[in-house]
Every structure is written in C-alpha cells, then in structure tokens.
Amino acid sequence: MMQTPTPVVRTAILLVNLGTPEAPTAAAVRRYLAEFLWDPRVVELPRLPWWLILHGIILNTRPAKSAAKYAQIWTDEGSPLLVHTKKQAILLRGLLGARGYIGARNLEVRWVMRYGQPSIGSALDQLVAEGYGRVLVVPLYPQYARSTTASVEDALA
C-alpha cells in the first residue's frame, strides 16, 4: 500500500513587540498614544471617563512633549525598539536558516508591533494571503502581564 505524503503546512513565527510611533512627531505620537492608551488592558478605567481624559487632556498635551523625547533617541533606521525588533527577527531567521529550517520546511520569521505598524492584524492577513496555515506568535515581553501578553492575545482573538 502506497502512503500519500503529508502536505506541508507553511508556518510563520511572528515576533510581537509593544510598539512605537511611526516618527518622532507630535502627530505620529498622538496616533500611537491614542491606540496604546485606549486599550482596556493598558488603562483599566471605565471607558467613558477615560475617553474624556484621554481625548480632552492627554492627547492634547502629551504628544509634543513625547515627540521631543523620541527625537532624542530616534535613529536613521527608526525608533530603537523597532530597530532591535527587526534585528531579532533577522537574526532568528538567519539562525533557523543556517540550521535548515527556513525555506525547505516552509518556515518564515516576521515581526510586528502590538500598537502601531506593522500591526498584528495586517501581518496575519498578509500571511494568510501568502498561504501560511500556521502562525506561532511569540510576544517579546520578559514576563506575562495583562497590559502586554494578554493584550496580544486579545489582538489575536
């Protein structure tokens, strides 16, 4: 009796970090803070009062101050968190490639941000469109917390 070969399921490893504004500008920081601080896992307050505080005070005062601080650490490649997250993905891809896992075994490594871009949702859509049937999500946080790992789980739901 002839055995049929098991179909290969393309697998992606998705490294997830917290996020960063797209640029060290008040507008970019405002967009980032609006997404980040609106997450109920990050700020556990009743939504209506928190919305008023967030949109009435924080998003009108904090972005310019934070943008100035981001500008001090920003590099030509982007924010340090983005740069190091990209490098981690590149190094993991290289390590897995050197051991024969990338390519022949249909394994890919990508990186995303929980808040900001590239987002978890857009990456998952792209991976599905590219034919990946399995995604291993690896949050890059040192320990579990509702505001980090649980928020990633929420984004995947």
N, C-alpha and C. Protein backbone atom coordinates (compact mmCIF):
# COMPACT_ATOMS: atom_id res chain seq x y z
N MET A 1 0.83 -1.17 0.00
CA MET A 1 0.00 0.00 0.00
C MET A 1 0.89 1.25 0.00
N MET A 2 0.54 2.17 -0.86
CA MET A 2 1.32 3.39 -1.01
C MET A 2 0.81 4.47 -0.06
N GLN A 3 1.74 5.08 0.65
CA GLN A 3 1.36 6.15 1.57
C GLN A 3 1.36 7.49 0.84
N THR A 4 0.32 8.26 1.09
CA THR A 4 0.31 9.60 0.49
C THR A 4 1.13 10.53 1.37
N PRO A 5 1.91 11.39 0.74
CA PRO A 5 2.74 12.29 1.54
C PRO A 5 1.88 13.28 2.32
N THR A 6 2.34 13.57 3.52
CA THR A 6 1.65 14.56 4.35
C THR A 6 1.89 15.94 3.76
N PRO A 7 0.83 16.71 3.56
CA PRO A 7 1.04 18.05 3.00
C PRO A 7 1.82 18.92 3.98
N VAL A 8 2.68 19.74 3.43
CA VAL A 8 3.49 20.64 4.24
C VAL A 8 2.66 21.88 4.56
N VAL A 9 2.56 22.18 5.84
CA VAL A 9 1.86 23.38 6.28
C VAL A 9 2.90 24.47 6.44
N ARG A 10 2.72 25.53 5.69
CA ARG A 10 3.65 26.66 5.82
C ARG A 10 3.44 27.32 7.18
N THR A 11 4.54 27.55 7.88
CA THR A 11 4.49 28.08 9.24
C THR A 11 5.26 29.38 9.32
N ALA A 12 4.69 30.34 10.03
CA ALA A 12 5.36 31.61 10.27
C ALA A 12 5.53 31.82 11.76
N ILE A 13 6.67 32.35 12.14
CA ILE A 13 6.91 32.78 13.51
C ILE A 13 6.74 34.30 13.51
N LEU A 14 5.86 34.78 14.36
CA LEU A 14 5.54 36.20 14.42
C LEU A 14 6.04 36.75 15.75
N LEU A 15 7.13 37.51 15.70
CA LEU A 15 7.66 38.15 16.90
C LEU A 15 6.88 39.43 17.15
N VAL A 16 6.34 39.58 18.36
CA VAL A 16 5.49 40.73 18.68
C VAL A 16 6.13 41.57 19.77
N ASN A 17 6.31 42.86 19.48
CA ASN A 17 6.79 43.78 20.49
C ASN A 17 5.72 44.82 20.76
N LEU A 18 5.93 45.68 21.73
CA LEU A 18 4.90 46.60 22.19
C LEU A 18 4.45 47.58 21.13
N GLY A 19 5.38 48.30 20.54
CA GLY A 19 5.01 49.27 19.53
C GLY A 19 5.77 50.56 19.69
N THR A 20 5.63 51.40 18.70
CA THR A 20 6.35 52.66 18.66
C THR A 20 5.65 53.57 17.67
N PRO A 21 5.76 54.87 17.87
CA PRO A 21 5.22 55.77 16.84
C PRO A 21 5.97 55.56 15.52
N GLU A 22 5.35 55.97 14.43
CA GLU A 22 5.99 55.83 13.12
C GLU A 22 7.09 56.86 12.90
N ALA A 23 7.04 57.95 13.65
CA ALA A 23 8.03 59.03 13.51
C ALA A 23 8.05 59.80 14.83
N PRO A 24 9.13 60.55 15.07
CA PRO A 24 9.20 61.34 16.29
C PRO A 24 8.50 62.70 16.13
N THR A 25 7.25 62.64 15.70
CA THR A 25 6.46 63.86 15.51
C THR A 25 5.25 63.82 16.42
N ALA A 26 4.72 65.00 16.72
CA ALA A 26 3.54 65.06 17.59
C ALA A 26 2.37 64.29 17.00
N ALA A 27 2.15 64.39 15.69
CA ALA A 27 1.03 63.70 15.05
C ALA A 27 1.18 62.18 15.15
N ALA A 28 2.38 61.68 14.89
CA ALA A 28 2.61 60.23 14.96
C ALA A 28 2.51 59.72 16.40
N VAL A 29 3.04 60.49 17.33
CA VAL A 29 2.96 60.09 18.74
C VAL A 29 1.50 60.11 19.20
N ARG A 30 0.75 61.09 18.74
CA ARG A 30 -0.67 61.18 19.11
C ARG A 30 -1.42 59.92 18.64
N ARG A 31 -1.19 59.50 17.38
CA ARG A 31 -1.84 58.29 16.86
C ARG A 31 -1.45 57.07 17.69
N TYR A 32 -0.17 56.97 17.98
CA TYR A 32 0.33 55.83 18.76
C TYR A 32 -0.28 55.83 20.17
N LEU A 33 -0.24 56.96 20.85
CA LEU A 33 -0.79 57.03 22.21
C LEU A 33 -2.29 56.77 22.23
N ALA A 34 -2.99 57.25 21.21
CA ALA A 34 -4.44 57.02 21.16
C ALA A 34 -4.74 55.52 21.10
N GLU A 35 -4.00 54.79 20.28
CA GLU A 35 -4.21 53.35 20.17
C GLU A 35 -3.76 52.64 21.45
N PHE A 36 -2.57 52.95 21.91
CA PHE A 36 -1.99 52.29 23.08
C PHE A 36 -2.80 52.54 24.35
N LEU A 37 -3.11 53.80 24.61
CA LEU A 37 -3.79 54.14 25.86
C LEU A 37 -5.29 53.83 25.85
N TRP A 38 -5.86 53.57 24.68
CA TRP A 38 -7.27 53.21 24.63
C TRP A 38 -7.49 51.73 24.95
N ASP A 39 -6.45 50.93 24.89
CA ASP A 39 -6.57 49.50 25.18
C ASP A 39 -6.98 49.32 26.64
N PRO A 40 -8.12 48.65 26.90
CA PRO A 40 -8.55 48.46 28.28
C PRO A 40 -7.60 47.58 29.10
N ARG A 41 -6.71 46.86 28.43
CA ARG A 41 -5.70 46.09 29.15
C ARG A 41 -4.60 47.00 29.69
N VAL A 42 -4.41 48.15 29.05
CA VAL A 42 -3.36 49.09 29.46
C VAL A 42 -3.88 50.03 30.54
N VAL A 43 -5.05 50.61 30.30
CA VAL A 43 -5.66 51.51 31.28
C VAL A 43 -7.01 50.92 31.67
N GLU A 44 -7.09 50.45 32.88
CA GLU A 44 -8.29 49.75 33.36
C GLU A 44 -9.22 50.72 34.09
N LEU A 45 -9.78 51.64 33.35
CA LEU A 45 -10.76 52.59 33.88
C LEU A 45 -12.04 52.47 33.07
N PRO A 46 -13.17 52.88 33.64
CA PRO A 46 -14.40 52.90 32.84
C PRO A 46 -14.17 53.70 31.55
N ARG A 47 -14.69 53.19 30.46
CA ARG A 47 -14.38 53.74 29.14
C ARG A 47 -14.79 55.21 28.95
N LEU A 48 -15.98 55.61 29.33
CA LEU A 48 -16.41 56.99 29.09
C LEU A 48 -15.54 58.01 29.83
N PRO A 49 -15.34 57.88 31.14
CA PRO A 49 -14.47 58.86 31.80
C PRO A 49 -13.04 58.83 31.23
N TRP A 50 -12.55 57.62 30.92
CA TRP A 50 -11.20 57.53 30.37
C TRP A 50 -11.12 58.18 28.99
N TRP A 51 -12.14 58.00 28.16
CA TRP A 51 -12.15 58.63 26.84
C TRP A 51 -12.07 60.15 26.98
N LEU A 52 -12.80 60.71 27.93
CA LEU A 52 -12.78 62.16 28.15
C LEU A 52 -11.39 62.63 28.60
N ILE A 53 -10.78 61.88 29.50
CA ILE A 53 -9.42 62.23 29.96
C ILE A 53 -8.42 62.09 28.82
N LEU A 54 -8.50 60.97 28.11
CA LEU A 54 -7.56 60.70 27.03
C LEU A 54 -7.66 61.76 25.93
N HIS A 55 -8.87 61.99 25.44
CA HIS A 55 -9.05 62.92 24.31
C HIS A 55 -9.10 64.38 24.74
N GLY A 56 -9.51 64.62 25.98
CA GLY A 56 -9.61 66.01 26.43
C GLY A 56 -8.31 66.57 26.98
N ILE A 57 -7.48 65.70 27.55
CA ILE A 57 -6.25 66.19 28.19
C ILE A 57 -5.00 65.56 27.57
N ILE A 58 -4.87 64.25 27.72
CA ILE A 58 -3.61 63.57 27.38
C ILE A 58 -3.21 63.76 25.92
N LEU A 59 -4.14 63.51 25.00
CA LEU A 59 -3.79 63.60 23.58
C LEU A 59 -3.64 65.04 23.10
N ASN A 60 -3.97 66.00 23.95
CA ASN A 60 -3.76 67.41 23.61
C ASN A 60 -2.49 67.98 24.25
N THR A 61 -1.94 67.29 25.24
CA THR A 61 -0.76 67.82 25.92
C THR A 61 0.48 66.94 25.78
N ARG A 62 0.32 65.65 25.75
CA ARG A 62 1.45 64.73 25.81
C ARG A 62 2.20 64.52 24.48
N PRO A 63 1.55 64.48 23.33
CA PRO A 63 2.27 64.13 22.10
C PRO A 63 3.48 65.01 21.78
N ALA A 64 3.37 66.31 21.91
CA ALA A 64 4.51 67.18 21.58
C ALA A 64 5.68 66.93 22.52
N LYS A 65 5.39 66.78 23.82
CA LYS A 65 6.46 66.51 24.80
C LYS A 65 7.11 65.16 24.53
N SER A 66 6.30 64.16 24.27
CA SER A 66 6.84 62.82 24.00
C SER A 66 7.61 62.79 22.68
N ALA A 67 7.12 63.50 21.68
CA ALA A 67 7.81 63.54 20.38
C ALA A 67 9.21 64.11 20.53
N ALA A 68 9.35 65.13 21.35
CA ALA A 68 10.68 65.72 21.58
C ALA A 68 11.62 64.70 22.21
N LYS A 69 11.10 63.89 23.12
CA LYS A 69 11.93 62.86 23.75
C LYS A 69 12.24 61.73 22.77
N TYR A 70 11.27 61.34 21.96
CA TYR A 70 11.53 60.33 20.93
C TYR A 70 12.60 60.82 19.97
N ALA A 71 12.56 62.10 19.60
CA ALA A 71 13.53 62.65 18.65
C ALA A 71 14.96 62.52 19.18
N GLN A 72 15.13 62.56 20.48
CA GLN A 72 16.47 62.45 21.08
C GLN A 72 17.07 61.06 20.91
N ILE A 73 16.24 60.05 20.84
CA ILE A 73 16.76 58.67 20.74
C ILE A 73 16.54 58.05 19.37
N TRP A 74 15.81 58.73 18.49
CA TRP A 74 15.48 58.20 17.16
C TRP A 74 16.75 58.05 16.34
N THR A 75 16.83 57.00 15.55
CA THR A 75 17.98 56.79 14.68
C THR A 75 17.55 56.93 13.22
N ASP A 76 18.51 56.87 12.32
CA ASP A 76 18.19 56.91 10.88
C ASP A 76 17.32 55.72 10.48
N GLU A 77 17.43 54.61 11.21
CA GLU A 77 16.65 53.41 10.92
C GLU A 77 15.27 53.42 11.58
N GLY A 78 15.04 54.33 12.52
CA GLY A 78 13.76 54.39 13.21
C GLY A 78 13.95 54.39 14.72
N SER A 79 12.89 54.07 15.43
CA SER A 79 12.98 54.04 16.90
C SER A 79 13.84 52.85 17.32
N PRO A 80 14.52 52.96 18.46
CA PRO A 80 15.35 51.84 18.92
C PRO A 80 14.56 50.53 19.07
N LEU A 81 13.34 50.60 19.57
CA LEU A 81 12.54 49.38 19.74
C LEU A 81 12.27 48.72 18.39
N LEU A 82 11.94 49.50 17.39
CA LEU A 82 11.70 48.97 16.05
C LEU A 82 12.97 48.37 15.47
N VAL A 83 14.08 49.10 15.61
CA VAL A 83 15.36 48.63 15.06
C VAL A 83 15.76 47.29 15.69
N HIS A 84 15.66 47.19 17.00
CA HIS A 84 16.07 45.96 17.68
C HIS A 84 15.10 44.81 17.42
N THR A 85 13.82 45.10 17.29
CA THR A 85 12.85 44.05 16.97
C THR A 85 13.12 43.49 15.58
N LYS A 86 13.37 44.37 14.62
CA LYS A 86 13.72 43.92 13.26
C LYS A 86 14.96 43.03 13.30
N LYS A 87 15.98 43.48 14.04
CA LYS A 87 17.23 42.72 14.11
C LYS A 87 17.01 41.35 14.75
N GLN A 88 16.16 41.27 15.76
CA GLN A 88 15.87 39.97 16.37
C GLN A 88 15.25 39.03 15.34
N ALA A 89 14.32 39.54 14.54
CA ALA A 89 13.69 38.71 13.51
C ALA A 89 14.71 38.27 12.47
N ILE A 90 15.57 39.18 12.05
CA ILE A 90 16.60 38.85 11.06
C ILE A 90 17.56 37.79 11.62
N LEU A 91 17.98 37.97 12.87
CA LEU A 91 18.90 37.00 13.48
C LEU A 91 18.25 35.64 13.67
N LEU A 92 17.00 35.62 14.10
CA LEU A 92 16.30 34.33 14.26
C LEU A 92 16.12 33.66 12.90
N ARG A 93 15.76 34.43 11.88
CA ARG A 93 15.63 33.88 10.53
C ARG A 93 16.97 33.29 10.07
N GLY A 94 18.06 34.02 10.34
CA GLY A 94 19.38 33.53 9.96
C GLY A 94 19.76 32.26 10.69
N LEU A 95 19.49 32.21 11.98
CA LEU A 95 19.79 31.02 12.77
C LEU A 95 18.99 29.81 12.29
N LEU A 96 17.70 30.01 12.07
CA LEU A 96 16.87 28.90 11.59
C LEU A 96 17.26 28.50 10.17
N GLY A 97 17.64 29.48 9.36
CA GLY A 97 18.10 29.18 8.00
C GLY A 97 19.39 28.37 8.01
N ALA A 98 20.31 28.75 8.88
CA ALA A 98 21.59 28.03 8.98
C ALA A 98 21.39 26.59 9.44
N ARG A 99 20.33 26.36 10.18
CA ARG A 99 20.04 25.00 10.66
C ARG A 99 19.11 24.24 9.72
N GLY A 100 18.77 24.85 8.59
CA GLY A 100 17.98 24.16 7.58
C GLY A 100 16.48 24.24 7.74
N TYR A 101 16.01 25.12 8.60
CA TYR A 101 14.56 25.19 8.83
C TYR A 101 13.85 26.16 7.89
N ILE A 102 14.50 27.23 7.49
CA ILE A 102 13.87 28.22 6.63
C ILE A 102 13.93 27.73 5.19
N GLY A 103 12.87 27.94 4.43
CA GLY A 103 12.86 27.58 3.02
C GLY A 103 12.36 26.17 2.80
N ALA A 104 13.24 25.20 3.03
CA ALA A 104 12.89 23.81 2.75
C ALA A 104 11.70 23.36 3.59
N ARG A 105 11.58 23.87 4.77
CA ARG A 105 10.48 23.46 5.64
C ARG A 105 9.35 24.48 5.67
N ASN A 106 9.39 25.42 4.76
CA ASN A 106 8.31 26.41 4.66
C ASN A 106 8.10 27.17 5.96
N LEU A 107 9.18 27.66 6.53
CA LEU A 107 9.13 28.41 7.77
C LEU A 107 9.62 29.83 7.52
N GLU A 108 8.91 30.80 8.05
CA GLU A 108 9.25 32.21 7.87
C GLU A 108 9.22 32.90 9.22
N VAL A 109 10.01 33.95 9.38
CA VAL A 109 10.01 34.76 10.60
C VAL A 109 9.65 36.18 10.22
N ARG A 110 8.67 36.73 10.92
CA ARG A 110 8.25 38.13 10.71
C ARG A 110 8.19 38.82 12.07
N TRP A 111 8.12 40.13 12.05
CA TRP A 111 7.97 40.90 13.29
C TRP A 111 6.81 41.88 13.12
N VAL A 112 6.15 42.16 14.24
CA VAL A 112 5.03 43.11 14.25
C VAL A 112 5.05 43.86 15.58
N MET A 113 4.20 44.86 15.64
CA MET A 113 4.02 45.62 16.87
C MET A 113 2.58 45.48 17.35
N ARG A 114 2.39 45.42 18.64
CA ARG A 114 1.03 45.35 19.17
C ARG A 114 0.29 46.65 18.92
N TYR A 115 1.00 47.76 19.05
CA TYR A 115 0.42 49.09 18.79
C TYR A 115 1.30 49.75 17.74
N GLY A 116 0.69 50.30 16.72
CA GLY A 116 1.46 50.90 15.64
C GLY A 116 1.60 49.93 14.49
N GLN A 117 2.60 50.18 13.66
CA GLN A 117 2.78 49.40 12.44
C GLN A 117 4.15 48.74 12.40
N PRO A 118 4.25 47.59 11.77
CA PRO A 118 3.18 46.79 11.21
C PRO A 118 2.36 46.14 12.32
N SER A 119 1.07 46.10 12.12
CA SER A 119 0.16 45.59 13.14
C SER A 119 0.02 44.08 13.05
N ILE A 120 -0.46 43.50 14.13
CA ILE A 120 -0.71 42.06 14.17
C ILE A 120 -1.74 41.69 13.10
N GLY A 121 -2.83 42.44 13.02
CA GLY A 121 -3.89 42.14 12.06
C GLY A 121 -3.42 42.18 10.62
N SER A 122 -2.65 43.22 10.26
CA SER A 122 -2.18 43.31 8.88
C SER A 122 -1.19 42.20 8.56
N ALA A 123 -0.36 41.83 9.52
CA ALA A 123 0.59 40.74 9.29
C ALA A 123 -0.12 39.40 9.12
N LEU A 124 -1.13 39.15 9.95
CA LEU A 124 -1.89 37.90 9.82
C LEU A 124 -2.60 37.83 8.47
N ASP A 125 -3.20 38.94 8.05
CA ASP A 125 -3.85 38.98 6.73
C ASP A 125 -2.85 38.66 5.63
N GLN A 126 -1.66 39.25 5.72
CA GLN A 126 -0.63 39.02 4.70
C GLN A 126 -0.16 37.57 4.71
N LEU A 127 0.04 37.01 5.90
CA LEU A 127 0.49 35.61 5.99
C LEU A 127 -0.55 34.65 5.42
N VAL A 128 -1.81 34.89 5.70
CA VAL A 128 -2.88 34.06 5.14
C VAL A 128 -2.88 34.18 3.61
N ALA A 129 -2.75 35.41 3.11
CA ALA A 129 -2.72 35.63 1.65
C ALA A 129 -1.53 34.92 1.00
N GLU A 130 -0.44 34.79 1.74
CA GLU A 130 0.76 34.13 1.23
C GLU A 130 0.72 32.61 1.42
N GLY A 131 -0.35 32.09 2.01
CA GLY A 131 -0.51 30.66 2.13
C GLY A 131 0.02 30.03 3.41
N TYR A 132 0.29 30.82 4.41
CA TYR A 132 0.74 30.24 5.68
C TYR A 132 -0.46 29.70 6.44
N GLY A 133 -0.39 28.45 6.84
CA GLY A 133 -1.51 27.81 7.51
C GLY A 133 -1.37 27.77 9.02
N ARG A 134 -0.17 28.10 9.50
CA ARG A 134 0.06 28.07 10.95
C ARG A 134 0.95 29.26 11.30
N VAL A 135 0.61 29.92 12.41
CA VAL A 135 1.40 31.06 12.87
C VAL A 135 1.72 30.85 14.35
N LEU A 136 2.99 30.88 14.67
CA LEU A 136 3.45 30.81 16.05
C LEU A 136 3.73 32.24 16.50
N VAL A 137 2.96 32.72 17.46
CA VAL A 137 3.09 34.09 17.94
C VAL A 137 3.98 34.09 19.18
N VAL A 138 5.04 34.91 19.14
CA VAL A 138 5.99 34.98 20.24
C VAL A 138 6.05 36.42 20.76
N PRO A 139 5.33 36.70 21.85
CA PRO A 139 5.45 38.04 22.45
C PRO A 139 6.86 38.23 23.02
N LEU A 140 7.45 39.37 22.76
CA LEU A 140 8.83 39.62 23.20
C LEU A 140 8.86 40.37 24.53
N TYR A 141 8.05 39.92 25.46
CA TYR A 141 8.00 40.54 26.78
C TYR A 141 8.66 39.60 27.79
N PRO A 142 9.32 40.15 28.81
CA PRO A 142 10.05 39.30 29.75
C PRO A 142 9.17 38.47 30.68
N GLN A 143 7.91 38.87 30.84
CA GLN A 143 7.00 38.11 31.69
C GLN A 143 5.57 38.41 31.26
N TYR A 144 4.65 37.59 31.76
CA TYR A 144 3.24 37.80 31.45
C TYR A 144 2.72 39.01 32.20
N ALA A 145 1.93 39.82 31.51
CA ALA A 145 1.18 40.91 32.15
C ALA A 145 -0.07 41.14 31.32
N ARG A 146 -1.13 41.57 31.97
CA ARG A 146 -2.38 41.87 31.26
C ARG A 146 -2.14 42.93 30.18
N SER A 147 -1.31 43.92 30.49
CA SER A 147 -1.12 45.03 29.57
C SER A 147 -0.19 44.70 28.40
N THR A 148 0.46 43.55 28.44
CA THR A 148 1.34 43.18 27.33
C THR A 148 0.87 41.88 26.68
N THR A 149 1.21 40.76 27.28
CA THR A 149 0.89 39.47 26.69
C THR A 149 -0.61 39.26 26.50
N ALA A 150 -1.41 39.62 27.50
CA ALA A 150 -2.87 39.45 27.37
C ALA A 150 -3.42 40.34 26.27
N SER A 151 -2.84 41.51 26.09
CA SER A 151 -3.27 42.39 25.02
C SER A 151 -2.97 41.78 23.65
N VAL A 152 -1.85 41.10 23.53
CA VAL A 152 -1.53 40.40 22.28
C VAL A 152 -2.56 39.30 22.04
N GLU A 153 -2.90 38.57 23.08
CA GLU A 153 -3.93 37.52 22.95
C GLU A 153 -5.25 38.13 22.49
N ASP A 154 -5.61 39.29 23.04
CA ASP A 154 -6.84 39.97 22.61
C ASP A 154 -6.78 40.32 21.13
N ALA A 155 -5.63 40.79 20.67
CA ALA A 155 -5.49 41.18 19.26
C ALA A 155 -5.61 39.98 18.33
N LEU A 156 -5.30 38.80 18.83
CA LEU A 156 -5.39 37.58 18.02
C LEU A 156 -6.79 36.99 18.01
N ALA A 157 -7.61 37.38 18.97
CA ALA A 157 -8.96 36.80 19.10
C ALA A 157 -9.89 37.28 18.00
